[in-house]
Amino acid sequence: MFSKNDEKTNHQMKPRIKHSGKFSELSPGSFILDVRPIFENGGEPFSPIMDCVDQLRNGDTLDVVAPFEPHPLIKQLQAKHFIVKTEKKSADEYWVNVKKSLDS
């Protein structure tokens, strides 16, 4: 879904595939992907999420905004040694913070 510029000084992920989610960089190494529009359009956000996660560098974080707490995604990421925290913002808004560690 996103590719990073190879230059170490430019840490921005750049879209390479159009999708219906909302993606932005909050600060260097901190990204957000709102997958609620993907669900609203009848899509499945697992692949776009994993595309983003696979491109994180050590210490980077990705906040995934979802309409529910995605337990299977969380378990899979934890199995890959990502640090995962979830915060419920409202009844239909969950933020899943994914941090790449040295072991992931």
Protein backbone atom coordinates (compact mmCIF):
# COMPACT_ATOMS: atom_id res chain seq x y z
CA MET A 1 0.00 0.00 0.00
CA PHE A 2 2.74 2.44 0.89
CA SER A 3 6.42 2.56 0.08
CA LYS A 4 9.04 4.43 2.01
CA ASN A 5 11.60 6.63 0.40
CA ASP A 6 14.98 4.90 0.68
CA GLU A 7 16.72 8.03 1.91
CA LYS A 8 17.27 7.84 5.66
CA THR A 9 16.60 11.56 6.02
CA ASN A 10 13.19 11.33 4.37
CA HIS A 11 11.13 8.96 6.48
CA GLN A 12 7.79 9.52 4.78
CA MET A 13 5.66 6.67 3.44
CA LYS A 14 4.26 7.49 0.02
CA PRO A 15 1.11 5.93 -1.43
CA ARG A 16 1.71 3.52 -4.29
CA ILE A 17 -1.74 1.94 -4.47
CA LYS A 18 -4.95 3.93 -4.26
CA HIS A 19 -7.32 2.78 -1.52
CA SER A 20 -10.35 4.16 0.24
CA GLY A 21 -8.71 4.56 3.66
CA LYS A 22 -7.34 7.84 4.96
CA PHE A 23 -3.56 7.82 5.48
CA SER A 24 -1.31 10.54 6.84
CA GLU A 25 2.00 11.06 8.59
CA LEU A 26 1.58 12.74 11.97
CA SER A 27 5.31 13.27 12.49
CA PRO A 28 8.47 11.52 11.29
CA GLY A 29 8.02 7.81 12.00
CA SER A 30 4.42 8.20 13.22
CA PHE A 31 1.64 7.30 10.79
CA ILE A 32 -2.13 6.96 10.89
CA LEU A 33 -4.43 4.85 8.72
CA ASP A 34 -8.19 5.32 9.13
CA VAL A 35 -9.79 2.14 7.76
CA ARG A 36 -13.39 3.10 8.56
CA PRO A 37 -13.99 4.33 4.97
CA ILE A 38 -12.81 0.95 3.66
CA PHE A 39 -15.46 -0.80 5.79
CA GLU A 40 -18.08 1.76 4.77
CA ASN A 41 -17.38 0.91 1.11
CA GLY A 42 -17.75 -2.83 1.77
CA GLY A 43 -14.01 -3.50 1.64
CA GLU A 44 -11.63 -5.50 3.82
CA PRO A 45 -8.75 -3.47 5.30
CA PHE A 46 -6.45 -6.33 6.36
CA SER A 47 -4.17 -6.12 3.31
CA PRO A 48 -3.79 -2.31 3.39
CA ILE A 49 -3.02 -2.47 7.11
CA MET A 50 -0.41 -5.21 6.67
CA ASP A 51 1.13 -3.38 3.70
CA CYS A 52 1.68 -0.37 5.96
CA VAL A 53 2.87 -2.45 8.92
CA ASP A 54 5.38 -4.33 6.75
CA GLN A 55 7.04 -1.05 5.83
CA LEU A 56 7.50 0.29 9.34
CA ARG A 57 11.09 0.77 10.50
CA ASN A 58 12.31 0.06 14.02
CA GLY A 59 10.66 2.51 16.42
CA ASP A 60 7.99 3.62 13.90
CA THR A 61 4.35 3.62 14.94
CA LEU A 62 1.15 3.19 12.98
CA ASP A 63 -2.22 4.14 14.44
CA VAL A 64 -5.03 2.20 12.80
CA VAL A 65 -8.47 3.76 13.31
CA ALA A 66 -11.21 1.13 13.10
CA PRO A 67 -14.93 0.92 13.92
CA PHE A 68 -14.32 -2.00 16.33
CA GLU A 69 -11.45 -3.63 18.20
CA PRO A 70 -9.80 -5.95 15.64
CA HIS A 71 -8.78 -8.87 17.87
CA PRO A 72 -7.49 -11.17 15.06
CA LEU A 73 -5.28 -8.37 13.70
CA ILE A 74 -3.95 -7.61 17.18
CA LYS A 75 -3.10 -11.27 17.83
CA GLN A 76 -1.32 -11.60 14.50
CA LEU A 77 0.74 -8.46 15.08
CA GLN A 78 1.67 -9.55 18.59
CA ALA A 79 2.75 -12.94 17.22
CA LYS A 80 5.12 -11.01 14.94
CA HIS A 81 6.50 -9.20 18.04
CA PHE A 82 4.94 -5.81 17.34
CA ILE A 83 3.97 -3.80 20.40
CA VAL A 84 0.20 -3.25 20.16
CA LYS A 85 -2.02 -1.05 22.31
CA THR A 86 -5.71 -0.35 21.80
CA GLU A 87 -7.72 2.65 22.93
CA LYS A 88 -11.49 2.89 22.66
CA LYS A 89 -12.39 6.46 21.71
CA SER A 90 -16.12 5.87 21.29
CA ALA A 91 -18.58 3.05 20.64
CA ASP A 92 -17.51 2.88 16.99
CA GLU A 93 -13.96 4.26 17.06
CA TYR A 94 -10.95 2.26 18.20
CA TRP A 95 -7.32 3.32 17.81
CA VAL A 96 -4.84 0.47 17.51
CA ASN A 97 -1.28 1.66 18.03
CA VAL A 98 1.27 -0.60 16.38
CA LYS A 99 4.95 -0.07 17.15
CA LYS A 100 7.75 -1.86 15.38
CA SER A 101 10.32 -3.19 17.82
CA LEU A 102 13.77 -4.59 17.12
CA ASP A 103 12.32 -8.12 17.32
CA SER A 104 9.50 -7.58 14.80
